[in-house]
Amino acid sequence: MEQGGDDYLIKPFHKAELKARVHSILRGRISGGSRQIQFNELTVDLSARKATIHNKVLNLTRKEYDLLLFTL
């Protein structure tokens, strides 16, 4: 946690608990009611389900987009 972790789960855990914690963390990173997450040069627009880096749209599959959100 001291090195930047937001949360942790002890194994074994249920997928529903993991999903709930991920959503909770994402809600915390969305500032001022914005539907965008900014991380360095990466911007993720949650409403449009698109990601851009250096103002270029990333062509991501649904799974790639979901994994990107998971890693933020």
PDB file of N, CA and C in Angstrom:
ATOM      1  N   MET A   1       0.821  -1.188   0.000  1.00  0.00           N
ATOM      2  CA  MET A   1       0.000   0.000   0.000  1.00  0.00           C
ATOM      3  C   MET A   1       0.874   1.264   0.000  1.00  0.00           C
ATOM      4  N   GLU A   2       2.021   1.189   0.665  1.00  0.00           N
ATOM      5  CA  GLU A   2       2.907   2.348   0.717  1.00  0.00           C
ATOM      6  C   GLU A   2       3.543   2.654  -0.630  1.00  0.00           C
ATOM      7  N   GLN A   3       3.528   1.692  -1.543  1.00  0.00           N
ATOM      8  CA  GLN A   3       4.149   1.885  -2.850  1.00  0.00           C
ATOM      9  C   GLN A   3       3.128   2.183  -3.934  1.00  0.00           C
ATOM     10  N   GLY A   4       1.914   2.612  -3.557  1.00  0.00           N
ATOM     11  CA  GLY A   4       0.936   3.056  -4.548  1.00  0.00           C
ATOM     12  C   GLY A   4      -0.251   2.151  -4.740  1.00  0.00           C
ATOM     13  N   GLY A   5      -0.368   1.081  -3.983  1.00  0.00           N
ATOM     14  CA  GLY A   5      -1.533   0.210  -4.101  1.00  0.00           C
ATOM     15  C   GLY A   5      -2.784   0.895  -3.576  1.00  0.00           C
ATOM     16  N   ASP A   6      -3.923   0.603  -4.185  1.00  0.00           N
ATOM     17  CA  ASP A   6      -5.192   1.176  -3.750  1.00  0.00           C
ATOM     18  C   ASP A   6      -5.966   0.233  -2.835  1.00  0.00           C
ATOM     19  N   ASP A   7      -5.793  -1.057  -3.036  1.00  0.00           N
ATOM     20  CA  ASP A   7      -6.573  -2.045  -2.318  1.00  0.00           C
ATOM     21  C   ASP A   7      -5.921  -3.409  -2.532  1.00  0.00           C
ATOM     22  N   TYR A   8      -6.396  -4.405  -1.827  1.00  0.00           N
ATOM     23  CA  TYR A   8      -5.915  -5.765  -2.050  1.00  0.00           C
ATOM     24  C   TYR A   8      -7.006  -6.754  -1.677  1.00  0.00           C
ATOM     25  N   LEU A   9      -6.908  -7.944  -2.211  1.00  0.00           N
ATOM     26  CA  LEU A   9      -7.833  -9.032  -1.900  1.00  0.00           C
ATOM     27  C   LEU A   9      -7.029 -10.222  -1.415  1.00  0.00           C
ATOM     28  N   ILE A  10      -7.586 -10.922  -0.459  1.00  0.00           N
ATOM     29  CA  ILE A  10      -6.968 -12.151   0.016  1.00  0.00           C
ATOM     30  C   ILE A  10      -7.611 -13.317  -0.720  1.00  0.00           C
ATOM     31  N   LYS A  11      -6.780 -14.237  -1.224  1.00  0.00           N
ATOM     32  CA  LYS A  11      -7.303 -15.398  -1.930  1.00  0.00           C
ATOM     33  C   LYS A  11      -7.857 -16.395  -0.931  1.00  0.00           C
ATOM     34  N   PRO A  12      -8.844 -17.151  -1.281  1.00  0.00           N
ATOM     35  CA  PRO A  12      -9.651 -17.051  -2.500  1.00  0.00           C
ATOM     36  C   PRO A  12     -10.659 -15.909  -2.375  1.00  0.00           C
ATOM     37  N   PHE A  13     -11.033 -15.335  -3.505  1.00  0.00           N
ATOM     38  CA  PHE A  13     -12.026 -14.265  -3.503  1.00  0.00           C
ATOM     39  C   PHE A  13     -13.033 -14.519  -4.614  1.00  0.00           C
ATOM     40  N   HIS A  14     -14.195 -13.906  -4.485  1.00  0.00           N
ATOM     41  CA  HIS A  14     -15.250 -14.050  -5.474  1.00  0.00           C
ATOM     42  C   HIS A  14     -15.099 -12.973  -6.551  1.00  0.00           C
ATOM     43  N   LYS A  15     -15.435 -13.329  -7.786  1.00  0.00           N
ATOM     44  CA  LYS A  15     -15.348 -12.371  -8.893  1.00  0.00           C
ATOM     45  C   LYS A  15     -16.190 -11.140  -8.630  1.00  0.00           C
ATOM     46  N   ALA A  16     -17.347 -11.313  -7.996  1.00  0.00           N
ATOM     47  CA  ALA A  16     -18.230 -10.172  -7.708  1.00  0.00           C
ATOM     48  C   ALA A  16     -17.541  -9.174  -6.780  1.00  0.00           C
ATOM     49  N   GLU A  17     -16.781  -9.669  -5.818  1.00  0.00           N
ATOM     50  CA  GLU A  17     -16.064  -8.770  -4.913  1.00  0.00           C
ATOM     51  C   GLU A  17     -14.967  -8.013  -5.656  1.00  0.00           C
ATOM     52  N   LEU A  18     -14.234  -8.708  -6.523  1.00  0.00           N
ATOM     53  CA  LEU A  18     -13.202  -8.054  -7.329  1.00  0.00           C
ATOM     54  C   LEU A  18     -13.815  -6.962  -8.195  1.00  0.00           C
ATOM     55  N   LYS A  19     -14.909  -7.288  -8.857  1.00  0.00           N
ATOM     56  CA  LYS A  19     -15.577  -6.311  -9.729  1.00  0.00           C
ATOM     57  C   LYS A  19     -16.039  -5.095  -8.930  1.00  0.00           C
ATOM     58  N   ALA A  20     -16.618  -5.319  -7.757  1.00  0.00           N
ATOM     59  CA  ALA A  20     -17.090  -4.212  -6.924  1.00  0.00           C
ATOM     60  C   ALA A  20     -15.937  -3.311  -6.489  1.00  0.00           C
ATOM     61  N   ARG A  21     -14.820  -3.913  -6.133  1.00  0.00           N
ATOM     62  CA  ARG A  21     -13.669  -3.111  -5.715  1.00  0.00           C
ATOM     63  C   ARG A  21     -13.073  -2.308  -6.865  1.00  0.00           C
ATOM     64  N   VAL A  22     -13.020  -2.901  -8.047  1.00  0.00           N
ATOM     65  CA  VAL A  22     -12.520  -2.180  -9.223  1.00  0.00           C
ATOM     66  C   VAL A  22     -13.412  -0.988  -9.522  1.00  0.00           C
ATOM     67  N   HIS A  23     -14.715  -1.189  -9.509  1.00  0.00           N
ATOM     68  CA  HIS A  23     -15.642  -0.081  -9.762  1.00  0.00           C
ATOM     69  C   HIS A  23     -15.492   1.012  -8.709  1.00  0.00           C
ATOM     70  N   SER A  24     -15.298   0.623  -7.471  1.00  0.00           N
ATOM     71  CA  SER A  24     -15.113   1.593  -6.401  1.00  0.00           C
ATOM     72  C   SER A  24     -13.864   2.439  -6.623  1.00  0.00           C
ATOM     73  N   ILE A  25     -12.774   1.779  -6.991  1.00  0.00           N
ATOM     74  CA  ILE A  25     -11.530   2.505  -7.250  1.00  0.00           C
ATOM     75  C   ILE A  25     -11.682   3.447  -8.435  1.00  0.00           C
ATOM     76  N   LEU A  26     -12.344   2.974  -9.495  1.00  0.00           N
ATOM     77  CA  LEU A  26     -12.545   3.828 -10.665  1.00  0.00           C
ATOM     78  C   LEU A  26     -13.395   5.039 -10.322  1.00  0.00           C
ATOM     79  N   ARG A  27     -14.414   4.856  -9.514  1.00  0.00           N
ATOM     80  CA  ARG A  27     -15.242   5.998  -9.103  1.00  0.00           C
ATOM     81  C   ARG A  27     -14.396   7.021  -8.374  1.00  0.00           C
ATOM     82  N   GLY A  28     -13.469   6.556  -7.561  1.00  0.00           N
ATOM     83  CA  GLY A  28     -12.603   7.464  -6.812  1.00  0.00           C
ATOM     84  C   GLY A  28     -11.647   8.239  -7.686  1.00  0.00           C
ATOM     85  N   ARG A  29     -11.335   7.717  -8.860  1.00  0.00           N
ATOM     86  CA  ARG A  29     -10.382   8.395  -9.755  1.00  0.00           C
ATOM     87  C   ARG A  29     -11.056   9.362 -10.709  1.00  0.00           C
ATOM     88  N   ILE A  30     -12.364   9.346 -10.745  1.00  0.00           N
ATOM     89  CA  ILE A  30     -13.087  10.265 -11.614  1.00  0.00           C
ATOM     90  C   ILE A  30     -13.346  11.527 -10.809  1.00  0.00           C
ATOM     91  N   SER A  31     -12.730  12.623 -11.209  1.00  0.00           N
ATOM     92  CA  SER A  31     -12.812  13.838 -10.410  1.00  0.00           C
ATOM     93  C   SER A  31     -13.858  14.795 -10.952  1.00  0.00           C
ATOM     94  N   GLY A  32     -14.519  15.474 -10.044  1.00  0.00           N
ATOM     95  CA  GLY A  32     -15.450  16.534 -10.410  1.00  0.00           C
ATOM     96  C   GLY A  32     -16.619  16.096 -11.261  1.00  0.00           C
ATOM     97  N   GLY A  33     -17.050  14.861 -11.155  1.00  0.00           N
ATOM     98  CA  GLY A  33     -18.184  14.391 -11.941  1.00  0.00           C
ATOM     99  C   GLY A  33     -17.843  14.115 -13.401  1.00  0.00           C
ATOM    100  N   SER A  34     -16.591  14.298 -13.757  1.00  0.00           N
ATOM    101  CA  SER A  34     -16.161  14.036 -15.131  1.00  0.00           C
ATOM    102  C   SER A  34     -16.275  12.551 -15.430  1.00  0.00           C
ATOM    103  N   ARG A  35     -16.508  12.227 -16.664  1.00  0.00           N
ATOM    104  CA  ARG A  35     -16.579  10.826 -17.083  1.00  0.00           C
ATOM    105  C   ARG A  35     -15.282  10.440 -17.785  1.00  0.00           C
ATOM    106  N   GLN A  36     -14.183  11.096 -17.420  1.00  0.00           N
ATOM    107  CA  GLN A  36     -12.884  10.788 -18.003  1.00  0.00           C
ATOM    108  C   GLN A  36     -11.872  10.490 -16.907  1.00  0.00           C
ATOM    109  N   ILE A  37     -10.970   9.582 -17.222  1.00  0.00           N
ATOM    110  CA  ILE A  37      -9.858   9.275 -16.327  1.00  0.00           C
ATOM    111  C   ILE A  37      -8.595   9.691 -17.060  1.00  0.00           C
ATOM    112  N   GLN A  38      -7.754  10.456 -16.383  1.00  0.00           N
ATOM    113  CA  GLN A  38      -6.506  10.936 -16.975  1.00  0.00           C
ATOM    114  C   GLN A  38      -5.344  10.288 -16.233  1.00  0.00           C
ATOM    115  N   PHE A  39      -4.407   9.693 -16.965  1.00  0.00           N
ATOM    116  CA  PHE A  39      -3.200   9.126 -16.376  1.00  0.00           C
ATOM    117  C   PHE A  39      -2.047   9.467 -17.305  1.00  0.00           C
ATOM    118  N   ASN A  40      -1.214  10.409 -16.870  1.00  0.00           N
ATOM    119  CA  ASN A  40      -0.138  10.932 -17.714  1.00  0.00           C
ATOM    120  C   ASN A  40      -0.722  11.361 -19.061  1.00  0.00           C
ATOM    121  N   GLU A  41      -0.260  10.790 -20.148  1.00  0.00           N
ATOM    122  CA  GLU A  41      -0.748  11.182 -21.480  1.00  0.00           C
ATOM    123  C   GLU A  41      -1.958  10.375 -21.936  1.00  0.00           C
ATOM    124  N   LEU A  42      -2.398   9.433 -21.125  1.00  0.00           N
ATOM    125  CA  LEU A  42      -3.526   8.575 -21.463  1.00  0.00           C
ATOM    126  C   LEU A  42      -4.820   9.167 -20.908  1.00  0.00           C
ATOM    127  N   THR A  43      -5.844   9.266 -21.752  1.00  0.00           N
ATOM    128  CA  THR A  43      -7.166   9.697 -21.330  1.00  0.00           C
ATOM    129  C   THR A  43      -8.164   8.620 -21.704  1.00  0.00           C
ATOM    130  N   VAL A  44      -9.007   8.233 -20.756  1.00  0.00           N
ATOM    131  CA  VAL A  44     -10.045   7.251 -21.008  1.00  0.00           C
ATOM    132  C   VAL A  44     -11.382   7.943 -20.806  1.00  0.00           C
ATOM    133  N   ASP A  45     -12.185   7.969 -21.859  1.00  0.00           N
ATOM    134  CA  ASP A  45     -13.524   8.550 -21.822  1.00  0.00           C
ATOM    135  C   ASP A  45     -14.505   7.418 -21.530  1.00  0.00           C
ATOM    136  N   LEU A  46     -15.035   7.395 -20.315  1.00  0.00           N
ATOM    137  CA  LEU A  46     -15.913   6.315 -19.898  1.00  0.00           C
ATOM    138  C   LEU A  46     -17.255   6.354 -20.623  1.00  0.00           C
ATOM    139  N   SER A  47     -17.746   7.541 -20.944  1.00  0.00           N
ATOM    140  CA  SER A  47     -19.027   7.660 -21.648  1.00  0.00           C
ATOM    141  C   SER A  47     -18.941   7.119 -23.069  1.00  0.00           C
ATOM    142  N   ALA A  48     -17.865   7.449 -23.763  1.00  0.00           N
ATOM    143  CA  ALA A  48     -17.698   7.037 -25.157  1.00  0.00           C
ATOM    144  C   ALA A  48     -16.992   5.685 -25.282  1.00  0.00           C
ATOM    145  N   ARG A  49     -16.493   5.146 -24.157  1.00  0.00           N
ATOM    146  CA  ARG A  49     -15.730   3.893 -24.155  1.00  0.00           C
ATOM    147  C   ARG A  49     -14.566   3.957 -25.151  1.00  0.00           C
ATOM    148  N   LYS A  50     -13.795   5.041 -25.063  1.00  0.00           N
ATOM    149  CA  LYS A  50     -12.624   5.164 -25.935  1.00  0.00           C
ATOM    150  C   LYS A  50     -11.447   5.683 -25.125  1.00  0.00           C
ATOM    151  N   ALA A  51     -10.274   5.379 -25.616  1.00  0.00           N
ATOM    152  CA  ALA A  51      -9.046   5.816 -24.963  1.00  0.00           C
ATOM    153  C   ALA A  51      -8.176   6.542 -25.975  1.00  0.00           C
ATOM    154  N   THR A  52      -7.500   7.566 -25.508  1.00  0.00           N
ATOM    155  CA  THR A  52      -6.580   8.303 -26.369  1.00  0.00           C
ATOM    156  C   THR A  52      -5.248   8.461 -25.644  1.00  0.00           C
ATOM    157  N   ILE A  53      -4.193   8.504 -26.422  1.00  0.00           N
ATOM    158  CA  ILE A  53      -2.871   8.799 -25.882  1.00  0.00           C
ATOM    159  C   ILE A  53      -2.201   9.772 -26.838  1.00  0.00           C
ATOM    160  N   HIS A  54      -1.660  10.837 -26.292  1.00  0.00           N
ATOM    161  CA  HIS A  54      -1.097  11.922 -27.106  1.00  0.00           C
ATOM    162  C   HIS A  54      -2.121  12.382 -28.146  1.00  0.00           C
ATOM    163  N   ASN A  55      -3.388  12.463 -27.751  1.00  0.00           N
ATOM    164  CA  ASN A  55      -4.514  12.911 -28.594  1.00  0.00           C
ATOM    165  C   ASN A  55      -4.775  12.014 -29.797  1.00  0.00           C
ATOM    166  N   LYS A  56      -4.288  10.771 -29.778  1.00  0.00           N
ATOM    167  CA  LYS A  56      -4.580   9.801 -30.835  1.00  0.00           C
ATOM    168  C   LYS A  56      -5.466   8.708 -30.247  1.00  0.00           C
ATOM    169  N   VAL A  57      -6.559   8.406 -30.939  1.00  0.00           N
ATOM    170  CA  VAL A  57      -7.493   7.391 -30.467  1.00  0.00           C
ATOM    171  C   VAL A  57      -6.864   6.004 -30.584  1.00  0.00           C
ATOM    172  N   LEU A  58      -6.979   5.216 -29.522  1.00  0.00           N
ATOM    173  CA  LEU A  58      -6.504   3.842 -29.537  1.00  0.00           C
ATOM    174  C   LEU A  58      -7.636   2.939 -30.007  1.00  0.00           C
ATOM    175  N   ASN A  59      -7.388   2.127 -30.995  1.00  0.00           N
ATOM    176  CA  ASN A  59      -8.395   1.191 -31.492  1.00  0.00           C
ATOM    177  C   ASN A  59      -8.310  -0.085 -30.667  1.00  0.00           C
ATOM    178  N   LEU A  60      -9.134  -0.139 -29.621  1.00  0.00           N
ATOM    179  CA  LEU A  60      -9.110  -1.259 -28.696  1.00  0.00           C
ATOM    180  C   LEU A  60     -10.347  -2.129 -28.860  1.00  0.00           C
ATOM    181  N   THR A  61     -10.152  -3.423 -28.698  1.00  0.00           N
ATOM    182  CA  THR A  61     -11.312  -4.315 -28.644  1.00  0.00           C
ATOM    183  C   THR A  61     -12.000  -4.087 -27.300  1.00  0.00           C
ATOM    184  N   ARG A  62     -13.192  -4.630 -27.138  1.00  0.00           N
ATOM    185  CA  ARG A  62     -13.905  -4.477 -25.867  1.00  0.00           C
ATOM    186  C   ARG A  62     -13.083  -5.056 -24.711  1.00  0.00           C
ATOM    187  N   LYS A  63     -12.493  -6.215 -24.931  1.00  0.00           N
ATOM    188  CA  LYS A  63     -11.691  -6.854 -23.880  1.00  0.00           C
ATOM    189  C   LYS A  63     -10.459  -6.019 -23.557  1.00  0.00           C
ATOM    190  N   GLU A  64      -9.791  -5.478 -24.572  1.00  0.00           N
ATOM    191  CA  GLU A  64      -8.624  -4.641 -24.345  1.00  0.00           C
ATOM    192  C   GLU A  64      -8.999  -3.391 -23.547  1.00  0.00           C
ATOM    193  N   TYR A  65     -10.132  -2.794 -23.900  1.00  0.00           N
ATOM    194  CA  TYR A  65     -10.613  -1.610 -23.178  1.00  0.00           C
ATOM    195  C   TYR A  65     -10.887  -1.961 -21.712  1.00  0.00           C
ATOM    196  N   ASP A  66     -11.568  -3.070 -21.473  1.00  0.00           N
ATOM    197  CA  ASP A  66     -11.873  -3.497 -20.115  1.00  0.00           C
ATOM    198  C   ASP A  66     -10.604  -3.767 -19.318  1.00  0.00           C
ATOM    199  N   LEU A  67      -9.622  -4.398 -19.955  1.00  0.00           N
ATOM    200  CA  LEU A  67      -8.341  -4.641 -19.274  1.00  0.00           C
ATOM    201  C   LEU A  67      -7.616  -3.335 -18.969  1.00  0.00           C
ATOM    202  N   LEU A  68      -7.705  -2.381 -19.866  1.00  0.00           N
ATOM    203  CA  LEU A  68      -7.094  -1.076 -19.637  1.00  0.00           C
ATOM    204  C   LEU A  68      -7.731  -0.436 -18.398  1.00  0.00           C
ATOM    205  N   LEU A  69      -9.039  -0.448 -18.307  1.00  0.00           N
ATOM    206  CA  LEU A  69      -9.708   0.114 -17.135  1.00  0.00           C
ATOM    207  C   LEU A  69      -9.278  -0.608 -15.869  1.00  0.00           C
ATOM    208  N   PHE A  70      -9.144  -1.899 -15.962  1.00  0.00           N
ATOM    209  CA  PHE A  70      -8.746  -2.693 -14.803  1.00  0.00           C
ATOM    210  C   PHE A  70      -7.367  -2.293 -14.302  1.00  0.00           C
ATOM    211  N   THR A  71      -6.483  -1.934 -15.201  1.00  0.00           N
ATOM    212  CA  THR A  71      -5.100  -1.627 -14.817  1.00  0.00           C
ATOM    213  C   THR A  71      -4.914  -0.196 -14.336  1.00  0.00           C
ATOM    214  N   LEU A  72      -5.861   0.672 -14.591  1.00  0.00           N
ATOM    215  CA  LEU A  72      -5.703   2.071 -14.172  1.00  0.00           C
ATOM    216  C   LEU A  72      -5.834   2.241 -12.685  1.00  0.00           C
TER     217      LEU A  72
END
